[in-house]
Amino acid sequence: MGRIIYLMGKSSTGKDTIYKRLLQEMTPSLQRIVPYTTRPMRSGEHQGVEYFFTDEAGFQKLQQDGKVIEAREYHTMYGLWRYFTADDGQIAPEANYIMIGTPEGFGMLQNYFGREKMLPVLIEVDDGVRLQRALNRERKQQNPKYTEMCRRFLADSEDFAEDKLREVGIGRSFVNENLENCIVEIKQYLSEELAIN
């Protein structure tokens, strides 16, 4: 296996947009790892693109089969939502991969694959900008879940605390004030790290 580029950032930092651009501009050098979730699909999401959407029974089956690499659970206003990565045949030898996750998930994948296989990319944005972006996105949903949006926003402070980032070896970050500049900076960093163009 090559390396796994692991994009992280608090909610509404632009991770999905950056992920899609990196895949588009760096393919075939990068392949996707699609994680799983038990949360409901949002407007504009598609099965097998952002996530494999499943239910609790689907998670438990993969868990029983020893296929779950890492898993996180969130007790939301709408019930238990799980996010997890499975050893489901997506990862092949010698390829480089890209995925989105959290510092906790990054740490678990490091334990599974080894620190040398993981390449963290932390995206940062001012909290006020993030909150406005989150609100704008939620307003576009057919059934906006503002309470859950606020819970997620507040939980980010704990999930991305400096001590947690240091614990799993995440030091460098990329500020997404200007999307194009941020992408150029990340691509240069990845090209150097992976020795790809």
C-alpha atoms as a PDB file:
ATOM      1  CA  MET A   1       0.000   0.000   0.000  1.00  0.00           C
ATOM      2  CA  GLY A   2       1.145   3.545  -0.718  1.00  0.00           C
ATOM      3  CA  ARG A   3       0.004   6.270   1.654  1.00  0.00           C
ATOM      4  CA  ILE A   4      -3.362   7.538   2.858  1.00  0.00           C
ATOM      5  CA  ILE A   5      -3.912  11.290   2.670  1.00  0.00           C
ATOM      6  CA  TYR A   6      -6.298  11.999   5.508  1.00  0.00           C
ATOM      7  CA  LEU A   7      -8.189  15.297   5.215  1.00  0.00           C
ATOM      8  CA  MET A   8      -9.451  16.719   8.508  1.00  0.00           C
ATOM      9  CA  GLY A   9     -11.091  19.903   9.649  1.00  0.00           C
ATOM     10  CA  LYS A  10     -13.900  21.178  11.792  1.00  0.00           C
ATOM     11  CA  SER A  11     -17.344  21.310  10.203  1.00  0.00           C
ATOM     12  CA  SER A  12     -17.712  23.726   7.271  1.00  0.00           C
ATOM     13  CA  THR A  13     -13.981  24.204   6.634  1.00  0.00           C
ATOM     14  CA  GLY A  14     -14.370  23.174   2.989  1.00  0.00           C
ATOM     15  CA  LYS A  15     -13.096  19.594   3.322  1.00  0.00           C
ATOM     16  CA  ASP A  16     -15.549  18.139   0.800  1.00  0.00           C
ATOM     17  CA  THR A  17     -14.736  20.779  -1.822  1.00  0.00           C
ATOM     18  CA  ILE A  18     -10.978  20.364  -1.325  1.00  0.00           C
ATOM     19  CA  TYR A  19     -11.335  16.557  -1.394  1.00  0.00           C
ATOM     20  CA  LYS A  20     -13.198  16.662  -4.719  1.00  0.00           C
ATOM     21  CA  ARG A  21     -10.712  19.085  -6.260  1.00  0.00           C
ATOM     22  CA  LEU A  22      -7.695  17.039  -5.173  1.00  0.00           C
ATOM     23  CA  LEU A  23      -9.240  13.883  -6.585  1.00  0.00           C
ATOM     24  CA  GLN A  24     -10.064  15.629  -9.851  1.00  0.00           C
ATOM     25  CA  GLU A  25      -6.680  17.309 -10.262  1.00  0.00           C
ATOM     26  CA  MET A  26      -4.416  14.554  -8.922  1.00  0.00           C
ATOM     27  CA  THR A  27      -6.050  11.472 -10.458  1.00  0.00           C
ATOM     28  CA  PRO A  28      -4.790   8.854 -11.278  1.00  0.00           C
ATOM     29  CA  SER A  29      -2.204   9.431  -8.550  1.00  0.00           C
ATOM     30  CA  LEU A  30      -4.901   9.327  -5.849  1.00  0.00           C
ATOM     31  CA  GLN A  31      -7.710   6.845  -5.243  1.00  0.00           C
ATOM     32  CA  ARG A  32     -10.710   7.265  -2.949  1.00  0.00           C
ATOM     33  CA  ILE A  33     -11.474   5.463   0.278  1.00  0.00           C
ATOM     34  CA  VAL A  34     -15.189   5.899   0.906  1.00  0.00           C
ATOM     35  CA  PRO A  35     -16.124   5.696   4.600  1.00  0.00           C
ATOM     36  CA  TYR A  36     -19.450   4.494   5.998  1.00  0.00           C
ATOM     37  CA  THR A  37     -22.103   6.219   8.085  1.00  0.00           C
ATOM     38  CA  THR A  38     -25.423   5.349   9.664  1.00  0.00           C
ATOM     39  CA  ARG A  39     -26.652   8.952   9.537  1.00  0.00           C
ATOM     40  CA  PRO A  40     -29.323   9.927   6.996  1.00  0.00           C
ATOM     41  CA  MET A  41     -28.195  11.021   3.544  1.00  0.00           C
ATOM     42  CA  ARG A  42     -28.240  14.801   3.036  1.00  0.00           C
ATOM     43  CA  SER A  43     -29.540  16.606  -0.036  1.00  0.00           C
ATOM     44  CA  GLY A  44     -26.970  16.377  -2.812  1.00  0.00           C
ATOM     45  CA  GLU A  45     -25.197  13.318  -1.376  1.00  0.00           C
ATOM     46  CA  HIS A  46     -25.021  10.015  -3.249  1.00  0.00           C
ATOM     47  CA  GLN A  47     -24.551   6.424  -2.116  1.00  0.00           C
ATOM     48  CA  GLY A  48     -20.911   5.384  -2.446  1.00  0.00           C
ATOM     49  CA  VAL A  49     -19.644   8.907  -3.179  1.00  0.00           C
ATOM     50  CA  GLU A  50     -19.460  10.856   0.088  1.00  0.00           C
ATOM     51  CA  TYR A  51     -20.229   7.757   2.174  1.00  0.00           C
ATOM     52  CA  PHE A  52     -21.648   4.280   2.000  1.00  0.00           C
ATOM     53  CA  PHE A  53     -24.912   4.877   3.835  1.00  0.00           C
ATOM     54  CA  THR A  54     -25.966   1.950   6.001  1.00  0.00           C
ATOM     55  CA  ASP A  55     -27.898   1.284   9.205  1.00  0.00           C
ATOM     56  CA  GLU A  56     -27.050  -0.107  12.632  1.00  0.00           C
ATOM     57  CA  ALA A  57     -27.560  -3.687  11.415  1.00  0.00           C
ATOM     58  CA  GLY A  58     -25.127  -3.063   8.549  1.00  0.00           C
ATOM     59  CA  PHE A  59     -22.520  -1.707  10.974  1.00  0.00           C
ATOM     60  CA  GLN A  60     -22.971  -4.639  13.362  1.00  0.00           C
ATOM     61  CA  LYS A  61     -22.585  -7.153  10.516  1.00  0.00           C
ATOM     62  CA  LEU A  62     -19.302  -5.578   9.352  1.00  0.00           C
ATOM     63  CA  GLN A  63     -18.145  -5.436  12.975  1.00  0.00           C
ATOM     64  CA  GLN A  64     -18.943  -9.128  13.528  1.00  0.00           C
ATOM     65  CA  ASP A  65     -17.093 -10.023  10.316  1.00  0.00           C
ATOM     66  CA  GLY A  66     -13.985  -8.200  11.609  1.00  0.00           C
ATOM     67  CA  LYS A  67     -14.137  -5.666   8.782  1.00  0.00           C
ATOM     68  CA  VAL A  68     -14.340  -2.411  10.807  1.00  0.00           C
ATOM     69  CA  ILE A  69     -10.954  -0.657  10.913  1.00  0.00           C
ATOM     70  CA  GLU A  70     -12.061   2.359  12.936  1.00  0.00           C
ATOM     71  CA  ALA A  71     -15.407   3.625  14.187  1.00  0.00           C
ATOM     72  CA  ARG A  72     -16.744   6.713  15.926  1.00  0.00           C
ATOM     73  CA  GLU A  73     -20.207   7.231  17.361  1.00  0.00           C
ATOM     74  CA  TYR A  74     -22.134  10.418  18.018  1.00  0.00           C
ATOM     75  CA  HIS A  75     -25.232  10.688  20.170  1.00  0.00           C
ATOM     76  CA  THR A  76     -27.133  13.321  18.209  1.00  0.00           C
ATOM     77  CA  MET A  77     -30.530  14.932  18.654  1.00  0.00           C
ATOM     78  CA  TYR A  78     -31.746  12.374  16.097  1.00  0.00           C
ATOM     79  CA  GLY A  79     -30.260   9.260  17.653  1.00  0.00           C
ATOM     80  CA  LEU A  80     -26.971   7.387  17.383  1.00  0.00           C
ATOM     81  CA  TRP A  81     -24.963   8.118  14.236  1.00  0.00           C
ATOM     82  CA  ARG A  82     -21.868   6.091  13.440  1.00  0.00           C
ATOM     83  CA  TYR A  83     -19.021   6.917  11.087  1.00  0.00           C
ATOM     84  CA  PHE A  84     -16.534   4.194  10.260  1.00  0.00           C
ATOM     85  CA  THR A  85     -13.958   2.822   7.830  1.00  0.00           C
ATOM     86  CA  ALA A  86     -14.158  -0.792   6.728  1.00  0.00           C
ATOM     87  CA  ASP A  87     -11.660  -3.211   5.237  1.00  0.00           C
ATOM     88  CA  ASP A  88     -14.008  -3.923   2.334  1.00  0.00           C
ATOM     89  CA  GLY A  89     -11.608  -4.360  -0.578  1.00  0.00           C
ATOM     90  CA  GLN A  90     -11.232  -0.667  -1.460  1.00  0.00           C
ATOM     91  CA  ILE A  91      -7.542  -0.553  -0.490  1.00  0.00           C
ATOM     92  CA  ALA A  92      -5.095  -2.186  -2.908  1.00  0.00           C
ATOM     93  CA  PRO A  93      -1.283  -2.489  -2.682  1.00  0.00           C
ATOM     94  CA  GLU A  94       0.962   0.336  -3.927  1.00  0.00           C
ATOM     95  CA  ALA A  95      -1.801   2.933  -4.530  1.00  0.00           C
ATOM     96  CA  ASN A  96      -2.079   6.283  -2.743  1.00  0.00           C
ATOM     97  CA  TYR A  97      -5.462   7.102  -1.259  1.00  0.00           C
ATOM     98  CA  ILE A  98      -7.397  10.093   0.011  1.00  0.00           C
ATOM     99  CA  MET A  99     -10.222  10.231   2.520  1.00  0.00           C
ATOM    100  CA  ILE A 100     -11.919  12.581   4.997  1.00  0.00           C
ATOM    101  CA  GLY A 101     -12.142  11.999   8.734  1.00  0.00           C
ATOM    102  CA  THR A 102     -11.404  13.221  12.253  1.00  0.00           C
ATOM    103  CA  PRO A 103      -8.266  13.282  14.429  1.00  0.00           C
ATOM    104  CA  GLU A 104      -9.687  10.321  16.367  1.00  0.00           C
ATOM    105  CA  GLY A 105     -10.177   8.338  13.165  1.00  0.00           C
ATOM    106  CA  PHE A 106      -6.709   9.344  11.965  1.00  0.00           C
ATOM    107  CA  GLY A 107      -5.194   7.942  15.156  1.00  0.00           C
ATOM    108  CA  MET A 108      -7.050   4.647  14.746  1.00  0.00           C
ATOM    109  CA  LEU A 109      -5.963   4.300  11.116  1.00  0.00           C
ATOM    110  CA  GLN A 110      -2.365   5.008  12.165  1.00  0.00           C
ATOM    111  CA  ASN A 111      -2.622   2.159  14.638  1.00  0.00           C
ATOM    112  CA  TYR A 112      -4.028  -0.138  11.928  1.00  0.00           C
ATOM    113  CA  PHE A 113      -1.796   0.738   8.960  1.00  0.00           C
ATOM    114  CA  GLY A 114       1.243   2.306  10.684  1.00  0.00           C
ATOM    115  CA  ARG A 115       2.241   5.936  11.146  1.00  0.00           C
ATOM    116  CA  GLU A 116       4.448   5.940   8.026  1.00  0.00           C
ATOM    117  CA  LYS A 117       1.438   5.131   5.823  1.00  0.00           C
ATOM    118  CA  MET A 118      -0.650   8.102   7.001  1.00  0.00           C
ATOM    119  CA  LEU A 119      -0.319  11.694   5.734  1.00  0.00           C
ATOM    120  CA  PRO A 120      -2.488  14.202   7.655  1.00  0.00           C
ATOM    121  CA  VAL A 121      -3.903  17.349   6.011  1.00  0.00           C
ATOM    122  CA  LEU A 122      -5.629  19.616   8.543  1.00  0.00           C
ATOM    123  CA  ILE A 123      -7.868  22.374   7.109  1.00  0.00           C
ATOM    124  CA  GLU A 124      -8.597  25.442   9.255  1.00  0.00           C
ATOM    125  CA  VAL A 125     -11.078  28.319   8.922  1.00  0.00           C
ATOM    126  CA  ASP A 126     -12.090  31.119  11.302  1.00  0.00           C
ATOM    127  CA  ASP A 127     -14.936  29.943  13.575  1.00  0.00           C
ATOM    128  CA  GLY A 128     -17.237  32.839  12.589  1.00  0.00           C
ATOM    129  CA  VAL A 129     -16.831  32.008   8.901  1.00  0.00           C
ATOM    130  CA  ARG A 130     -17.442  28.320   9.627  1.00  0.00           C
ATOM    131  CA  LEU A 131     -20.635  29.047  11.545  1.00  0.00           C
ATOM    132  CA  GLN A 132     -22.026  31.177   8.708  1.00  0.00           C
ATOM    133  CA  ARG A 133     -21.143  28.493   6.145  1.00  0.00           C
ATOM    134  CA  ALA A 134     -22.806  25.807   8.262  1.00  0.00           C
ATOM    135  CA  LEU A 135     -25.965  27.892   8.603  1.00  0.00           C
ATOM    136  CA  ASN A 136     -26.083  28.592   4.858  1.00  0.00           C
ATOM    137  CA  ARG A 137     -25.665  24.881   4.076  1.00  0.00           C
ATOM    138  CA  GLU A 138     -28.318  23.795   6.563  1.00  0.00           C
ATOM    139  CA  ARG A 139     -30.853  26.292   5.193  1.00  0.00           C
ATOM    140  CA  LYS A 140     -30.611  24.518   1.827  1.00  0.00           C
ATOM    141  CA  GLN A 141     -31.639  21.147   3.291  1.00  0.00           C
ATOM    142  CA  GLN A 142     -35.201  19.952   2.771  1.00  0.00           C
ATOM    143  CA  ASN A 143     -35.524  19.458   6.540  1.00  0.00           C
ATOM    144  CA  PRO A 144     -32.917  21.681   8.217  1.00  0.00           C
ATOM    145  CA  LYS A 145     -31.496  20.253  11.453  1.00  0.00           C
ATOM    146  CA  TYR A 146     -30.254  23.401  13.188  1.00  0.00           C
ATOM    147  CA  THR A 147     -29.949  21.784  16.604  1.00  0.00           C
ATOM    148  CA  GLU A 148     -27.689  19.081  15.202  1.00  0.00           C
ATOM    149  CA  MET A 149     -25.701  21.714  13.307  1.00  0.00           C
ATOM    150  CA  CYS A 150     -25.051  23.546  16.589  1.00  0.00           C
ATOM    151  CA  ARG A 151     -24.138  20.322  18.417  1.00  0.00           C
ATOM    152  CA  ARG A 152     -21.646  19.454  15.687  1.00  0.00           C
ATOM    153  CA  PHE A 153     -20.158  22.955  15.731  1.00  0.00           C
ATOM    154  CA  LEU A 154     -19.634  22.857  19.512  1.00  0.00           C
ATOM    155  CA  ALA A 155     -18.306  19.275  19.481  1.00  0.00           C
ATOM    156  CA  ASP A 156     -15.573  20.351  17.053  1.00  0.00           C
ATOM    157  CA  SER A 157     -13.829  22.288  19.830  1.00  0.00           C
ATOM    158  CA  GLU A 158     -13.286  19.058  21.744  1.00  0.00           C
ATOM    159  CA  ASP A 159     -12.624  16.818  18.734  1.00  0.00           C
ATOM    160  CA  PHE A 160      -9.951  19.181  17.359  1.00  0.00           C
ATOM    161  CA  ALA A 161      -8.386  20.266  20.663  1.00  0.00           C
ATOM    162  CA  GLU A 162      -4.653  21.009  20.397  1.00  0.00           C
ATOM    163  CA  ASP A 163      -3.696  18.165  22.745  1.00  0.00           C
ATOM    164  CA  LYS A 164      -5.641  15.645  20.629  1.00  0.00           C
ATOM    165  CA  LEU A 165      -3.954  16.871  17.454  1.00  0.00           C
ATOM    166  CA  ARG A 166      -0.504  16.606  19.060  1.00  0.00           C
ATOM    167  CA  GLU A 167      -1.295  13.140  20.439  1.00  0.00           C
ATOM    168  CA  VAL A 168      -1.727  11.716  16.927  1.00  0.00           C
ATOM    169  CA  GLY A 169       1.125  13.727  15.388  1.00  0.00           C
ATOM    170  CA  ILE A 170      -0.810  16.396  13.489  1.00  0.00           C
ATOM    171  CA  GLY A 171       1.261  19.573  13.396  1.00  0.00           C
ATOM    172  CA  ARG A 172       0.873  21.276  10.040  1.00  0.00           C
ATOM    173  CA  SER A 173      -2.357  22.905   8.915  1.00  0.00           C
ATOM    174  CA  PHE A 174      -3.667  24.699   5.827  1.00  0.00           C
ATOM    175  CA  VAL A 175      -5.860  27.793   6.183  1.00  0.00           C
ATOM    176  CA  ASN A 176      -8.806  27.884   3.775  1.00  0.00           C
ATOM    177  CA  GLU A 177      -9.388  31.636   3.558  1.00  0.00           C
ATOM    178  CA  ASN A 178      -8.922  31.522  -0.211  1.00  0.00           C
ATOM    179  CA  LEU A 179      -9.874  28.157  -1.723  1.00  0.00           C
ATOM    180  CA  GLU A 180      -7.570  28.346  -4.763  1.00  0.00           C
ATOM    181  CA  ASN A 181      -4.522  29.331  -2.706  1.00  0.00           C
ATOM    182  CA  CYS A 182      -5.281  26.613  -0.152  1.00  0.00           C
ATOM    183  CA  ILE A 183      -5.529  23.934  -2.852  1.00  0.00           C
ATOM    184  CA  VAL A 184      -2.263  25.046  -4.475  1.00  0.00           C
ATOM    185  CA  GLU A 185      -0.507  24.880  -1.099  1.00  0.00           C
ATOM    186  CA  ILE A 186      -1.902  21.417  -0.317  1.00  0.00           C
ATOM    187  CA  LYS A 187      -1.041  20.062  -3.786  1.00  0.00           C
ATOM    188  CA  GLN A 188       2.535  21.287  -3.459  1.00  0.00           C
ATOM    189  CA  TYR A 189       2.818  19.654  -0.036  1.00  0.00           C
ATOM    190  CA  LEU A 190       1.371  16.354  -1.310  1.00  0.00           C
ATOM    191  CA  SER A 191       3.547  16.340  -4.417  1.00  0.00           C
ATOM    192  CA  GLU A 192       6.630  16.721  -2.246  1.00  0.00           C
ATOM    193  CA  GLU A 193       5.494  14.067   0.226  1.00  0.00           C
ATOM    194  CA  LEU A 194       4.336  11.546  -2.341  1.00  0.00           C
ATOM    195  CA  ALA A 195       6.819  12.464  -5.097  1.00  0.00           C
ATOM    196  CA  ILE A 196       3.960  12.790  -7.601  1.00  0.00           C
ATOM    197  CA  ASN A 197       3.069  15.589 -10.034  1.00  0.00           C
END
